[in-house]
Amino acid sequence: MQTNIVPVAVYPSTANSLYIRSIALGTPPQYYYELQNVTEVEKTREVPNPAYVPESVDADGNAVPPQGEPTITETYTEQVVTVLKNGNVSMTEEQWDGWAAGPITEDEPYQLDCISTNLGLTRA
């Protein structure tokens, strides 16, 4: 599970994301966590041009020059994740007792809220 957080200084950078994974289902459950710096980096690369027509020969045997460029430049976004801190954390007994049985769609936000609070973080 992952959530954006209000940025917090974590040497040597700033964490803007919290990732958690359940590691023990006890009372209360325990989680592995990572404070991450997640950034989007715009990059470019050369890719084959689907509209490119290579040199060919027409019906009369005459050479037909190529049409278009064989490659084009494509722009894409890559996500870069830097783990700044990791560890283990548990829900409190009160949080565990307050975890209402309900649809799975409500479980993830509740767990992220609890663990964020226990780490002193604010979800963004």
PDB file of N, CA and C in Angstrom:
ATOM      1  N   MET A   1       0.850  -1.169   0.000  1.00  0.00           N
ATOM      2  CA  MET A   1       0.000   0.000   0.000  1.00  0.00           C
ATOM      3  C   MET A   1       0.893   1.228   0.000  1.00  0.00           C
ATOM      4  N   GLN A   2       0.469   2.250  -0.687  1.00  0.00           N
ATOM      5  CA  GLN A   2       1.290   3.441  -0.802  1.00  0.00           C
ATOM      6  C   GLN A   2       0.407   4.675  -0.770  1.00  0.00           C
ATOM      7  N   THR A   3       0.945   5.752  -0.182  1.00  0.00           N
ATOM      8  CA  THR A   3       0.210   7.009  -0.128  1.00  0.00           C
ATOM      9  C   THR A   3       1.190   8.177  -0.184  1.00  0.00           C
ATOM     10  N   ASN A   4       0.716   9.285  -0.725  1.00  0.00           N
ATOM     11  CA  ASN A   4       1.502  10.513  -0.684  1.00  0.00           C
ATOM     12  C   ASN A   4       1.398  11.084   0.715  1.00  0.00           C
ATOM     13  N   ILE A   5       2.473  11.727   1.153  1.00  0.00           N
ATOM     14  CA  ILE A   5       2.486  12.366   2.464  1.00  0.00           C
ATOM     15  C   ILE A   5       2.934  13.812   2.303  1.00  0.00           C
ATOM     16  N   VAL A   6       2.604  14.629   3.298  1.00  0.00           N
ATOM     17  CA  VAL A   6       3.128  15.985   3.332  1.00  0.00           C
ATOM     18  C   VAL A   6       4.643  15.840   3.437  1.00  0.00           C
ATOM     19  N   PRO A   7       5.408  16.477   2.543  1.00  0.00           N
ATOM     20  CA  PRO A   7       6.859  16.290   2.536  1.00  0.00           C
ATOM     21  C   PRO A   7       7.504  16.526   3.907  1.00  0.00           C
ATOM     22  N   VAL A   8       8.436  15.637   4.231  1.00  0.00           N
ATOM     23  CA  VAL A   8       9.148  15.707   5.507  1.00  0.00           C
ATOM     24  C   VAL A   8      10.630  15.447   5.230  1.00  0.00           C
ATOM     25  N   ALA A   9      11.481  16.210   5.913  1.00  0.00           N
ATOM     26  CA  ALA A   9      12.924  16.066   5.719  1.00  0.00           C
ATOM     27  C   ALA A   9      13.405  14.739   6.296  1.00  0.00           C
ATOM     28  N   VAL A  10      14.068  13.957   5.455  1.00  0.00           N
ATOM     29  CA  VAL A  10      14.707  12.710   5.868  1.00  0.00           C
ATOM     30  C   VAL A  10      16.061  12.709   5.177  1.00  0.00           C
ATOM     31  N   TYR A  11      17.120  12.776   5.966  1.00  0.00           N
ATOM     32  CA  TYR A  11      18.462  12.888   5.398  1.00  0.00           C
ATOM     33  C   TYR A  11      18.697  11.805   4.362  1.00  0.00           C
ATOM     34  N   PRO A  12      19.187  12.107   3.208  1.00  0.00           N
ATOM     35  CA  PRO A  12      19.725  13.371   2.697  1.00  0.00           C
ATOM     36  C   PRO A  12      18.754  14.111   1.779  1.00  0.00           C
ATOM     37  N   SER A  13      17.465  13.837   1.887  1.00  0.00           N
ATOM     38  CA  SER A  13      16.504  14.404   0.953  1.00  0.00           C
ATOM     39  C   SER A  13      15.197  14.710   1.669  1.00  0.00           C
ATOM     40  N   THR A  14      14.100  14.622   0.937  1.00  0.00           N
ATOM     41  CA  THR A  14      12.766  14.854   1.479  1.00  0.00           C
ATOM     42  C   THR A  14      11.862  13.707   1.063  1.00  0.00           C
ATOM     43  N   ALA A  15      11.174  13.121   2.037  1.00  0.00           N
ATOM     44  CA  ALA A  15      10.236  12.033   1.748  1.00  0.00           C
ATOM     45  C   ALA A  15       8.885  12.636   1.383  1.00  0.00           C
ATOM     46  N   ASN A  16       8.275  12.109   0.322  1.00  0.00           N
ATOM     47  CA  ASN A  16       6.946  12.564  -0.094  1.00  0.00           C
ATOM     48  C   ASN A  16       5.975  11.407  -0.284  1.00  0.00           C
ATOM     49  N   SER A  17       6.414  10.188   0.101  1.00  0.00           N
ATOM     50  CA  SER A  17       5.579   9.016  -0.081  1.00  0.00           C
ATOM     51  C   SER A  17       5.856   8.010   1.034  1.00  0.00           C
ATOM     52  N   LEU A  18       4.782   7.325   1.467  1.00  0.00           N
ATOM     53  CA  LEU A  18       4.897   6.266   2.463  1.00  0.00           C
ATOM     54  C   LEU A  18       4.418   4.963   1.833  1.00  0.00           C
ATOM     55  N   TYR A  19       5.245   3.923   1.929  1.00  0.00           N
ATOM     56  CA  TYR A  19       4.891   2.594   1.448  1.00  0.00           C
ATOM     57  C   TYR A  19       4.839   1.678   2.657  1.00  0.00           C
ATOM     58  N   ILE A  20       3.761   0.883   2.791  1.00  0.00           N
ATOM     59  CA  ILE A  20       3.691  -0.085   3.878  1.00  0.00           C
ATOM     60  C   ILE A  20       3.297  -1.456   3.327  1.00  0.00           C
ATOM     61  N   ARG A  21       3.761  -2.490   4.031  1.00  0.00           N
ATOM     62  CA  ARG A  21       3.416  -3.866   3.683  1.00  0.00           C
ATOM     63  C   ARG A  21       3.240  -4.629   4.989  1.00  0.00           C
ATOM     64  N   SER A  22       2.149  -5.346   5.116  1.00  0.00           N
ATOM     65  CA  SER A  22       1.876  -6.129   6.314  1.00  0.00           C
ATOM     66  C   SER A  22       2.913  -7.232   6.451  1.00  0.00           C
ATOM     67  N   ILE A  23       3.477  -7.377   7.670  1.00  0.00           N
ATOM     68  CA  ILE A  23       4.471  -8.434   7.878  1.00  0.00           C
ATOM     69  C   ILE A  23       4.038  -9.426   8.947  1.00  0.00           C
ATOM     70  N   ALA A  24       3.055  -9.066   9.761  1.00  0.00           N
ATOM     71  CA  ALA A  24       2.568  -9.987  10.791  1.00  0.00           C
ATOM     72  C   ALA A  24       1.120  -9.653  11.112  1.00  0.00           C
ATOM     73  N   LEU A  25       0.275 -10.667  11.030  1.00  0.00           N
ATOM     74  CA  LEU A  25      -1.131 -10.468  11.370  1.00  0.00           C
ATOM     75  C   LEU A  25      -1.336 -10.911  12.808  1.00  0.00           C
ATOM     76  N   GLY A  26      -1.101  -9.995  13.691  1.00  0.00           N
ATOM     77  CA  GLY A  26      -1.303 -10.283  15.104  1.00  0.00           C
ATOM     78  C   GLY A  26      -2.260  -9.268  15.664  1.00  0.00           C
ATOM     79  N   THR A  27      -2.281  -9.193  16.952  1.00  0.00           N
ATOM     80  CA  THR A  27      -3.071  -8.145  17.586  1.00  0.00           C
ATOM     81  C   THR A  27      -2.111  -7.278  18.367  1.00  0.00           C
ATOM     82  N   PRO A  28      -1.787  -6.128  17.893  1.00  0.00           N
ATOM     83  CA  PRO A  28      -2.177  -5.502  16.620  1.00  0.00           C
ATOM     84  C   PRO A  28      -1.231  -5.929  15.487  1.00  0.00           C
ATOM     85  N   PRO A  29      -1.639  -5.700  14.232  1.00  0.00           N
ATOM     86  CA  PRO A  29      -0.786  -6.083  13.104  1.00  0.00           C
ATOM     87  C   PRO A  29       0.469  -5.226  13.006  1.00  0.00           C
ATOM     88  N   GLN A  30       1.495  -5.792  12.392  1.00  0.00           N
ATOM     89  CA  GLN A  30       2.767  -5.104  12.210  1.00  0.00           C
ATOM     90  C   GLN A  30       3.023  -4.893  10.723  1.00  0.00           C
ATOM     91  N   TYR A  31       3.769  -3.841  10.438  1.00  0.00           N
ATOM     92  CA  TYR A  31       4.019  -3.458   9.044  1.00  0.00           C
ATOM     93  C   TYR A  31       5.488  -3.113   8.848  1.00  0.00           C
ATOM     94  N   TYR A  32       5.983  -3.416   7.664  1.00  0.00           N
ATOM     95  CA  TYR A  32       7.264  -2.904   7.180  1.00  0.00           C
ATOM     96  C   TYR A  32       6.926  -1.599   6.481  1.00  0.00           C
ATOM     97  N   TYR A  33       7.719  -0.545   6.698  1.00  0.00           N
ATOM     98  CA  TYR A  33       7.452   0.730   6.023  1.00  0.00           C
ATOM     99  C   TYR A  33       8.701   1.269   5.359  1.00  0.00           C
ATOM    100  N   GLU A  34       8.460   2.098   4.338  1.00  0.00           N
ATOM    101  CA  GLU A  34       9.526   2.851   3.676  1.00  0.00           C
ATOM    102  C   GLU A  34       9.071   4.293   3.517  1.00  0.00           C
ATOM    103  N   LEU A  35       9.930   5.220   3.888  1.00  0.00           N
ATOM    104  CA  LEU A  35       9.729   6.633   3.555  1.00  0.00           C
ATOM    105  C   LEU A  35      10.502   6.849   2.262  1.00  0.00           C
ATOM    106  N   GLN A  36       9.807   7.313   1.241  1.00  0.00           N
ATOM    107  CA  GLN A  36      10.387   7.395  -0.091  1.00  0.00           C
ATOM    108  C   GLN A  36      10.319   8.813  -0.653  1.00  0.00           C
ATOM    109  N   ASN A  37      11.270   9.098  -1.526  1.00  0.00           N
ATOM    110  CA  ASN A  37      11.200  10.286  -2.355  1.00  0.00           C
ATOM    111  C   ASN A  37      10.858   9.787  -3.753  1.00  0.00           C
ATOM    112  N   VAL A  38       9.666  10.149  -4.223  1.00  0.00           N
ATOM    113  CA  VAL A  38       9.195   9.703  -5.531  1.00  0.00           C
ATOM    114  C   VAL A  38       9.142  10.910  -6.451  1.00  0.00           C
ATOM    115  N   THR A  39       9.838  10.825  -7.577  1.00  0.00           N
ATOM    116  CA  THR A  39       9.847  11.918  -8.548  1.00  0.00           C
ATOM    117  C   THR A  39       9.542  11.371  -9.939  1.00  0.00           C
ATOM    118  N   GLU A  40       8.974  12.220 -10.758  1.00  0.00           N
ATOM    119  CA  GLU A  40       8.702  11.890 -12.157  1.00  0.00           C
ATOM    120  C   GLU A  40       9.772  12.588 -12.995  1.00  0.00           C
ATOM    121  N   VAL A  41      10.442  11.824 -13.837  1.00  0.00           N
ATOM    122  CA  VAL A  41      11.498  12.365 -14.685  1.00  0.00           C
ATOM    123  C   VAL A  41      11.077  12.186 -16.142  1.00  0.00           C
ATOM    124  N   GLU A  42      11.078  13.286 -16.887  1.00  0.00           N
ATOM    125  CA  GLU A  42      10.729  13.205 -18.301  1.00  0.00           C
ATOM    126  C   GLU A  42      11.983  12.857 -19.093  1.00  0.00           C
ATOM    127  N   LYS A  43      11.858  11.831 -19.946  1.00  0.00           N
ATOM    128  CA  LYS A  43      12.995  11.365 -20.742  1.00  0.00           C
ATOM    129  C   LYS A  43      12.572  11.243 -22.203  1.00  0.00           C
ATOM    130  N   THR A  44      13.568  11.112 -23.072  1.00  0.00           N
ATOM    131  CA  THR A  44      13.293  10.899 -24.495  1.00  0.00           C
ATOM    132  C   THR A  44      14.082   9.693 -24.974  1.00  0.00           C
ATOM    133  N   ARG A  45      13.578   9.068 -26.028  1.00  0.00           N
ATOM    134  CA  ARG A  45      14.269   7.934 -26.646  1.00  0.00           C
ATOM    135  C   ARG A  45      13.881   7.861 -28.111  1.00  0.00           C
ATOM    136  N   GLU A  46      14.749   7.245 -28.890  1.00  0.00           N
ATOM    137  CA  GLU A  46      14.489   7.029 -30.309  1.00  0.00           C
ATOM    138  C   GLU A  46      13.726   5.717 -30.468  1.00  0.00           C
ATOM    139  N   VAL A  47      12.630   5.768 -31.235  1.00  0.00           N
ATOM    140  CA  VAL A  47      11.818   4.575 -31.488  1.00  0.00           C
ATOM    141  C   VAL A  47      11.554   4.477 -32.987  1.00  0.00           C
ATOM    142  N   PRO A  48      11.249   3.269 -33.478  1.00  0.00           N
ATOM    143  CA  PRO A  48      10.939   3.128 -34.906  1.00  0.00           C
ATOM    144  C   PRO A  48       9.727   3.977 -35.291  1.00  0.00           C
ATOM    145  N   ASN A  49       9.814   4.589 -36.466  1.00  0.00           N
ATOM    146  CA  ASN A  49       8.724   5.415 -36.988  1.00  0.00           C
ATOM    147  C   ASN A  49       7.748   4.515 -37.741  1.00  0.00           C
ATOM    148  N   PRO A  50       6.514   4.390 -37.251  1.00  0.00           N
ATOM    149  CA  PRO A  50       5.562   3.504 -37.934  1.00  0.00           C
ATOM    150  C   PRO A  50       5.168   4.013 -39.322  1.00  0.00           C
ATOM    151  N   ALA A  51       5.375   5.294 -39.586  1.00  0.00           N
ATOM    152  CA  ALA A  51       5.013   5.862 -40.892  1.00  0.00           C
ATOM    153  C   ALA A  51       6.169   5.797 -41.896  1.00  0.00           C
ATOM    154  N   TYR A  52       7.321   5.300 -41.470  1.00  0.00           N
ATOM    155  CA  TYR A  52       8.497   5.245 -42.348  1.00  0.00           C
ATOM    156  C   TYR A  52       8.286   4.206 -43.451  1.00  0.00           C
ATOM    157  N   VAL A  53       8.605   4.615 -44.685  1.00  0.00           N
ATOM    158  CA  VAL A  53       8.546   3.711 -45.846  1.00  0.00           C
ATOM    159  C   VAL A  53       9.970   3.604 -46.383  1.00  0.00           C
ATOM    160  N   PRO A  54      10.566   2.406 -46.296  1.00  0.00           N
ATOM    161  CA  PRO A  54      11.954   2.273 -46.763  1.00  0.00           C
ATOM    162  C   PRO A  54      12.056   2.392 -48.283  1.00  0.00           C
ATOM    163  N   GLU A  55      13.283   2.523 -48.745  1.00  0.00           N
ATOM    164  CA  GLU A  55      13.533   2.597 -50.195  1.00  0.00           C
ATOM    165  C   GLU A  55      12.961   1.342 -50.854  1.00  0.00           C
ATOM    166  N   SER A  56      12.371   1.532 -52.002  1.00  0.00           N
ATOM    167  CA  SER A  56      11.767   0.391 -52.690  1.00  0.00           C
ATOM    168  C   SER A  56      11.920   0.548 -54.200  1.00  0.00           C
ATOM    169  N   VAL A  57      11.343  -0.370 -54.940  1.00  0.00           N
ATOM    170  CA  VAL A  57      11.383  -0.346 -56.400  1.00  0.00           C
ATOM    171  C   VAL A  57       9.932  -0.389 -56.881  1.00  0.00           C
ATOM    172  N   ASP A  58       9.614   0.510 -57.837  1.00  0.00           N
ATOM    173  CA  ASP A  58       8.240   0.514 -58.354  1.00  0.00           C
ATOM    174  C   ASP A  58       8.057  -0.589 -59.394  1.00  0.00           C
ATOM    175  N   ALA A  59       6.869  -0.666 -59.969  1.00  0.00           N
ATOM    176  CA  ALA A  59       6.534  -1.727 -60.928  1.00  0.00           C
ATOM    177  C   ALA A  59       7.419  -1.692 -62.169  1.00  0.00           C
ATOM    178  N   ASP A  60       7.962  -0.509 -62.490  1.00  0.00           N
ATOM    179  CA  ASP A  60       8.817  -0.387 -63.674  1.00  0.00           C
ATOM    180  C   ASP A  60      10.289  -0.637 -63.360  1.00  0.00           C
ATOM    181  N   GLY A  61      10.590  -0.949 -62.100  1.00  0.00           N
ATOM    182  CA  GLY A  61      11.976  -1.204 -61.729  1.00  0.00           C
ATOM    183  C   GLY A  61      12.734   0.041 -61.337  1.00  0.00           C
ATOM    184  N   ASN A  62      12.023   1.165 -61.204  1.00  0.00           N
ATOM    185  CA  ASN A  62      12.676   2.404 -60.804  1.00  0.00           C
ATOM    186  C   ASN A  62      12.763   2.474 -59.272  1.00  0.00           C
ATOM    187  N   ALA A  63      13.880   3.009 -58.794  1.00  0.00           N
ATOM    188  CA  ALA A  63      14.054   3.150 -57.347  1.00  0.00           C
ATOM    189  C   ALA A  63      13.116   4.235 -56.817  1.00  0.00           C
ATOM    190  N   VAL A  64      12.489   3.922 -55.694  1.00  0.00           N
ATOM    191  CA  VAL A  64      11.627   4.896 -55.006  1.00  0.00           C
ATOM    192  C   VAL A  64      12.337   5.241 -53.702  1.00  0.00           C
ATOM    193  N   PRO A  65      12.650   6.527 -53.526  1.00  0.00           N
ATOM    194  CA  PRO A  65      13.394   6.904 -52.314  1.00  0.00           C
ATOM    195  C   PRO A  65      12.573   6.637 -51.038  1.00  0.00           C
ATOM    196  N   PRO A  66      13.274   6.488 -49.923  1.00  0.00           N
ATOM    197  CA  PRO A  66      12.555   6.274 -48.661  1.00  0.00           C
ATOM    198  C   PRO A  66      11.703   7.509 -48.326  1.00  0.00           C
ATOM    199  N   GLN A  67      10.643   7.280 -47.600  1.00  0.00           N
ATOM    200  CA  GLN A  67       9.763   8.383 -47.201  1.00  0.00           C
ATOM    201  C   GLN A  67       9.718   8.448 -45.685  1.00  0.00           C
ATOM    202  N   GLY A  68      10.046   9.617 -45.151  1.00  0.00           N
ATOM    203  CA  GLY A  68      10.054   9.816 -43.700  1.00  0.00           C
ATOM    204  C   GLY A  68      11.371   9.394 -43.091  1.00  0.00           C
ATOM    205  N   GLU A  69      11.460   9.572 -41.807  1.00  0.00           N
ATOM    206  CA  GLU A  69      12.655   9.197 -41.052  1.00  0.00           C
ATOM    207  C   GLU A  69      12.446   7.807 -40.451  1.00  0.00           C
ATOM    208  N   PRO A  70      13.506   7.002 -40.375  1.00  0.00           N
ATOM    209  CA  PRO A  70      13.341   5.652 -39.824  1.00  0.00           C
ATOM    210  C   PRO A  70      13.015   5.632 -38.326  1.00  0.00           C
ATOM    211  N   THR A  71      13.449   6.660 -37.607  1.00  0.00           N
ATOM    212  CA  THR A  71      13.142   6.730 -36.175  1.00  0.00           C
ATOM    213  C   THR A  71      12.570   8.092 -35.829  1.00  0.00           C
ATOM    214  N   ILE A  72      11.826   8.134 -34.732  1.00  0.00           N
ATOM    215  CA  ILE A  72      11.291   9.390 -34.207  1.00  0.00           C
ATOM    216  C   ILE A  72      11.642   9.462 -32.727  1.00  0.00           C
ATOM    217  N   THR A  73      11.617  10.657 -32.181  1.00  0.00           N
ATOM    218  CA  THR A  73      11.909  10.850 -30.770  1.00  0.00           C
ATOM    219  C   THR A  73      10.606  10.784 -29.990  1.00  0.00           C
ATOM    220  N   GLU A  74      10.588   9.934 -28.984  1.00  0.00           N
ATOM    221  CA  GLU A  74       9.413   9.756 -28.131  1.00  0.00           C
ATOM    222  C   GLU A  74       9.735  10.296 -26.749  1.00  0.00           C
ATOM    223  N   THR A  75       8.798  11.002 -26.151  1.00  0.00           N
ATOM    224  CA  THR A  75       8.956  11.500 -24.789  1.00  0.00           C
ATOM    225  C   THR A  75       8.105  10.637 -23.868  1.00  0.00           C
ATOM    226  N   TYR A  76       8.685  10.243 -22.734  1.00  0.00           N
ATOM    227  CA  TYR A  76       7.961   9.438 -21.751  1.00  0.00           C
ATOM    228  C   TYR A  76       8.368   9.863 -20.347  1.00  0.00           C
ATOM    229  N   THR A  77       7.580   9.449 -19.373  1.00  0.00           N
ATOM    230  CA  THR A  77       7.846   9.794 -17.977  1.00  0.00           C
ATOM    231  C   THR A  77       8.248   8.537 -17.221  1.00  0.00           C
ATOM    232  N   GLU A  78       9.293   8.659 -16.437  1.00  0.00           N
ATOM    233  CA  GLU A  78       9.777   7.539 -15.635  1.00  0.00           C
ATOM    234  C   GLU A  78       9.709   7.927 -14.166  1.00  0.00           C
ATOM    235  N   GLN A  79       9.206   7.031 -13.352  1.00  0.00           N
ATOM    236  CA  GLN A  79       9.119   7.300 -11.918  1.00  0.00           C
ATOM    237  C   GLN A  79      10.392   6.797 -11.241  1.00  0.00           C
ATOM    238  N   VAL A  80      11.026   7.687 -10.476  1.00  0.00           N
ATOM    239  CA  VAL A  80      12.242   7.344  -9.754  1.00  0.00           C
ATOM    240  C   VAL A  80      11.906   7.313  -8.262  1.00  0.00           C
ATOM    241  N   VAL A  81      12.132   6.158  -7.627  1.00  0.00           N
ATOM    242  CA  VAL A  81      11.828   5.985  -6.205  1.00  0.00           C
ATOM    243  C   VAL A  81      13.135   5.809  -5.449  1.00  0.00           C
ATOM    244  N   THR A  82      13.355   6.679  -4.457  1.00  0.00           N
ATOM    245  CA  THR A  82      14.527   6.580  -3.598  1.00  0.00           C
ATOM    246  C   THR A  82      14.047   6.299  -2.182  1.00  0.00           C
ATOM    247  N   VAL A  83      14.465   5.178  -1.612  1.00  0.00           N
ATOM    248  CA  VAL A  83      14.091   4.836  -0.237  1.00  0.00           C
ATOM    249  C   VAL A  83      15.041   5.571   0.699  1.00  0.00           C
ATOM    250  N   LEU A  84      14.459   6.415   1.571  1.00  0.00           N
ATOM    251  CA  LEU A  84      15.268   7.226   2.476  1.00  0.00           C
ATOM    252  C   LEU A  84      15.354   6.622   3.877  1.00  0.00           C
ATOM    253  N   LYS A  85      14.322   5.884   4.261  1.00  0.00           N
ATOM    254  CA  LYS A  85      14.296   5.270   5.595  1.00  0.00           C
ATOM    255  C   LYS A  85      13.335   4.094   5.542  1.00  0.00           C
ATOM    256  N   ASN A  86      13.650   3.047   6.309  1.00  0.00           N
ATOM    257  CA  ASN A  86      12.727   1.920   6.400  1.00  0.00           C
ATOM    258  C   ASN A  86      12.761   1.352   7.805  1.00  0.00           C
ATOM    259  N   GLY A  87      11.767   0.531   8.113  1.00  0.00           N
ATOM    260  CA  GLY A  87      11.705  -0.070   9.442  1.00  0.00           C
ATOM    261  C   GLY A  87      10.400  -0.810   9.622  1.00  0.00           C
ATOM    262  N   ASN A  88      10.088  -1.118  10.876  1.00  0.00           N
ATOM    263  CA  ASN A  88       8.856  -1.814  11.216  1.00  0.00           C
ATOM    264  C   ASN A  88       8.047  -0.952  12.175  1.00  0.00           C
ATOM    265  N   VAL A  89       6.735  -1.055  12.068  1.00  0.00           N
ATOM    266  CA  VAL A  89       5.831  -0.273  12.917  1.00  0.00           C
ATOM    267  C   VAL A  89       4.544  -1.070  13.101  1.00  0.00           C
ATOM    268  N   SER A  90       3.892  -0.871  14.229  1.00  0.00           N
ATOM    269  CA  SER A  90       2.635  -1.584  14.518  1.00  0.00           C
ATOM    270  C   SER A  90       1.499  -0.595  14.695  1.00  0.00           C
ATOM    271  N   MET A  91       0.283  -1.103  14.532  1.00  0.00           N
ATOM    272  CA  MET A  91      -0.898  -0.350  14.947  1.00  0.00           C
ATOM    273  C   MET A  91      -0.921  -0.377  16.473  1.00  0.00           C
ATOM    274  N   THR A  92      -1.573   0.598  17.077  1.00  0.00           N
ATOM    275  CA  THR A  92      -1.774   0.562  18.525  1.00  0.00           C
ATOM    276  C   THR A  92      -2.966  -0.354  18.817  1.00  0.00           C
ATOM    277  N   GLU A  93      -3.100  -0.748  20.068  1.00  0.00           N
ATOM    278  CA  GLU A  93      -4.259  -1.574  20.458  1.00  0.00           C
ATOM    279  C   GLU A  93      -5.562  -0.835  20.178  1.00  0.00           C
ATOM    280  N   GLU A  94      -5.579   0.483  20.434  1.00  0.00           N
ATOM    281  CA  GLU A  94      -6.779   1.280  20.189  1.00  0.00           C
ATOM    282  C   GLU A  94      -7.136   1.303  18.706  1.00  0.00           C
ATOM    283  N   GLN A  95      -6.121   1.454  17.858  1.00  0.00           N
ATOM    284  CA  GLN A  95      -6.361   1.443  16.415  1.00  0.00           C
ATOM    285  C   GLN A  95      -6.873   0.074  15.968  1.00  0.00           C
ATOM    286  N   TRP A  96      -6.280  -0.976  16.516  1.00  0.00           N
ATOM    287  CA  TRP A  96      -6.702  -2.325  16.164  1.00  0.00           C
ATOM    288  C   TRP A  96      -8.164  -2.553  16.568  1.00  0.00           C
ATOM    289  N   ASP A  97      -8.509  -2.127  17.786  1.00  0.00           N
ATOM    290  CA  ASP A  97      -9.882  -2.283  18.267  1.00  0.00           C
ATOM    291  C   ASP A  97     -10.862  -1.429  17.470  1.00  0.00           C
ATOM    292  N   GLY A  98     -10.386  -0.300  16.929  1.00  0.00           N
ATOM    293  CA  GLY A  98     -11.248   0.609  16.179  1.00  0.00           C
ATOM    294  C   GLY A  98     -11.386   0.258  14.706  1.00  0.00           C
ATOM    295  N   TRP A  99     -10.697  -0.786  14.282  1.00  0.00           N
ATOM    296  CA  TRP A  99     -10.730  -1.188  12.870  1.00  0.00           C
ATOM    297  C   TRP A  99     -12.014  -1.959  12.623  1.00  0.00           C
ATOM    298  N   ALA A 100     -12.988  -1.271  12.073  1.00  0.00           N
ATOM    299  CA  ALA A 100     -14.307  -1.869  11.850  1.00  0.00           C
ATOM    300  C   ALA A 100     -14.260  -2.865  10.705  1.00  0.00           C
ATOM    301  N   ALA A 101     -14.998  -3.941  10.865  1.00  0.00           N
ATOM    302  CA  ALA A 101     -15.119  -4.897   9.768  1.00  0.00           C
ATOM    303  C   ALA A 101     -15.951  -4.240   8.672  1.00  0.00           C
ATOM    304  N   GLY A 102     -15.434  -4.230   7.495  1.00  0.00           N
ATOM    305  CA  GLY A 102     -16.146  -3.587   6.397  1.00  0.00           C
ATOM    306  C   GLY A 102     -15.566  -4.003   5.075  1.00  0.00           C
ATOM    307  N   PRO A 103     -15.973  -3.321   4.026  1.00  0.00           N
ATOM    308  CA  PRO A 103     -15.445  -3.672   2.706  1.00  0.00           C
ATOM    309  C   PRO A 103     -13.944  -3.423   2.614  1.00  0.00           C
ATOM    310  N   ILE A 104     -13.298  -4.199   1.776  1.00  0.00           N
ATOM    311  CA  ILE A 104     -11.850  -4.078   1.598  1.00  0.00           C
ATOM    312  C   ILE A 104     -11.468  -2.669   1.167  1.00  0.00           C
ATOM    313  N   THR A 105     -12.338  -1.985   0.446  1.00  0.00           N
ATOM    314  CA  THR A 105     -12.022  -0.631  -0.026  1.00  0.00           C
ATOM    315  C   THR A 105     -11.785   0.330   1.126  1.00  0.00           C
ATOM    316  N   GLU A 106     -12.300   0.009   2.311  1.00  0.00           N
ATOM    317  CA  GLU A 106     -12.093   0.871   3.476  1.00  0.00           C
ATOM    318  C   GLU A 106     -10.885   0.441   4.303  1.00  0.00           C
ATOM    319  N   ASP A 107     -10.408  -0.780   4.105  1.00  0.00           N
ATOM    320  CA  ASP A 107      -9.277  -1.290   4.885  1.00  0.00           C
ATOM    321  C   ASP A 107      -7.982  -0.545   4.601  1.00  0.00           C
ATOM    322  N   GLU A 108      -7.668  -0.367   3.327  1.00  0.00           N
ATOM    323  CA  GLU A 108      -6.403   0.249   2.952  1.00  0.00           C
ATOM    324  C   GLU A 108      -6.267   1.673   3.495  1.00  0.00           C
ATOM    325  N   PRO A 109      -7.258   2.554   3.282  1.00  0.00           N
ATOM    326  CA  PRO A 109      -7.120   3.900   3.832  1.00  0.00           C
ATOM    327  C   PRO A 109      -6.982   3.912   5.362  1.00  0.00           C
ATOM    328  N   TYR A 110      -7.704   3.029   6.041  1.00  0.00           N
ATOM    329  CA  TYR A 110      -7.616   2.981   7.505  1.00  0.00           C
ATOM    330  C   TYR A 110      -6.204   2.595   7.944  1.00  0.00           C
ATOM    331  N   GLN A 111      -5.647   1.577   7.310  1.00  0.00           N
ATOM    332  CA  GLN A 111      -4.294   1.145   7.672  1.00  0.00           C
ATOM    333  C   GLN A 111      -3.271   2.242   7.390  1.00  0.00           C
ATOM    334  N   LEU A 112      -3.394   2.893   6.237  1.00  0.00           N
ATOM    335  CA  LEU A 112      -2.462   3.975   5.893  1.00  0.00           C
ATOM    336  C   LEU A 112      -2.597   5.141   6.860  1.00  0.00           C
ATOM    337  N   ASP A 113      -3.833   5.467   7.257  1.00  0.00           N
ATOM    338  CA  ASP A 113      -4.042   6.547   8.241  1.00  0.00           C
ATOM    339  C   ASP A 113      -3.385   6.202   9.576  1.00  0.00           C
ATOM    340  N   CYS A 114      -3.587   4.983  10.045  1.00  0.00           N
ATOM    341  CA  CYS A 114      -3.029   4.572  11.337  1.00  0.00           C
ATOM    342  C   CYS A 114      -1.503   4.601  11.328  1.00  0.00           C
ATOM    343  N   ILE A 115      -0.909   3.996  10.320  1.00  0.00           N
ATOM    344  CA  ILE A 115       0.549   3.916  10.271  1.00  0.00           C
ATOM    345  C   ILE A 115       1.167   5.296  10.053  1.00  0.00           C
ATOM    346  N   SER A 116       0.536   6.124   9.228  1.00  0.00           N
ATOM    347  CA  SER A 116       1.024   7.497   9.042  1.00  0.00           C
ATOM    348  C   SER A 116       1.045   8.222  10.375  1.00  0.00           C
ATOM    349  N   THR A 117      -0.046   8.113  11.122  1.00  0.00           N
ATOM    350  CA  THR A 117      -0.139   8.758  12.437  1.00  0.00           C
ATOM    351  C   THR A 117       0.942   8.246  13.378  1.00  0.00           C
ATOM    352  N   ASN A 118       1.144   6.941  13.407  1.00  0.00           N
ATOM    353  CA  ASN A 118       2.132   6.358  14.316  1.00  0.00           C
ATOM    354  C   ASN A 118       3.562   6.764  13.976  1.00  0.00           C
ATOM    355  N   LEU A 119       3.783   7.113  12.715  1.00  0.00           N
ATOM    356  CA  LEU A 119       5.115   7.589  12.302  1.00  0.00           C
ATOM    357  C   LEU A 119       5.240   9.098  12.365  1.00  0.00           C
ATOM    358  N   GLY A 120       4.163   9.789  12.776  1.00  0.00           N
ATOM    359  CA  GLY A 120       4.193  11.248  12.858  1.00  0.00           C
ATOM    360  C   GLY A 120       4.082  11.935  11.529  1.00  0.00           C
ATOM    361  N   LEU A 121       3.438  11.257  10.559  1.00  0.00           N
ATOM    362  CA  LEU A 121       3.307  11.793   9.212  1.00  0.00           C
ATOM    363  C   LEU A 121       1.872  12.213   8.942  1.00  0.00           C
ATOM    364  N   THR A 122       1.700  13.078   7.948  1.00  0.00           N
ATOM    365  CA  THR A 122       0.367  13.506   7.517  1.00  0.00           C
ATOM    366  C   THR A 122       0.191  13.097   6.062  1.00  0.00           C
ATOM    367  N   ARG A 123      -0.897  12.362   5.801  1.00  0.00           N
ATOM    368  CA  ARG A 123      -1.183  11.990   4.423  1.00  0.00           C
ATOM    369  C   ARG A 123      -1.579  13.217   3.626  1.00  0.00           C
ATOM    370  N   ALA A 124      -1.092  13.281   2.402  1.00  0.00           N
ATOM    371  CA  ALA A 124      -1.386  14.433   1.540  1.00  0.00           C
ATOM    372  C   ALA A 124      -2.671  14.205   0.785  1.00  0.00           C
TER     373      ALA A 124
END
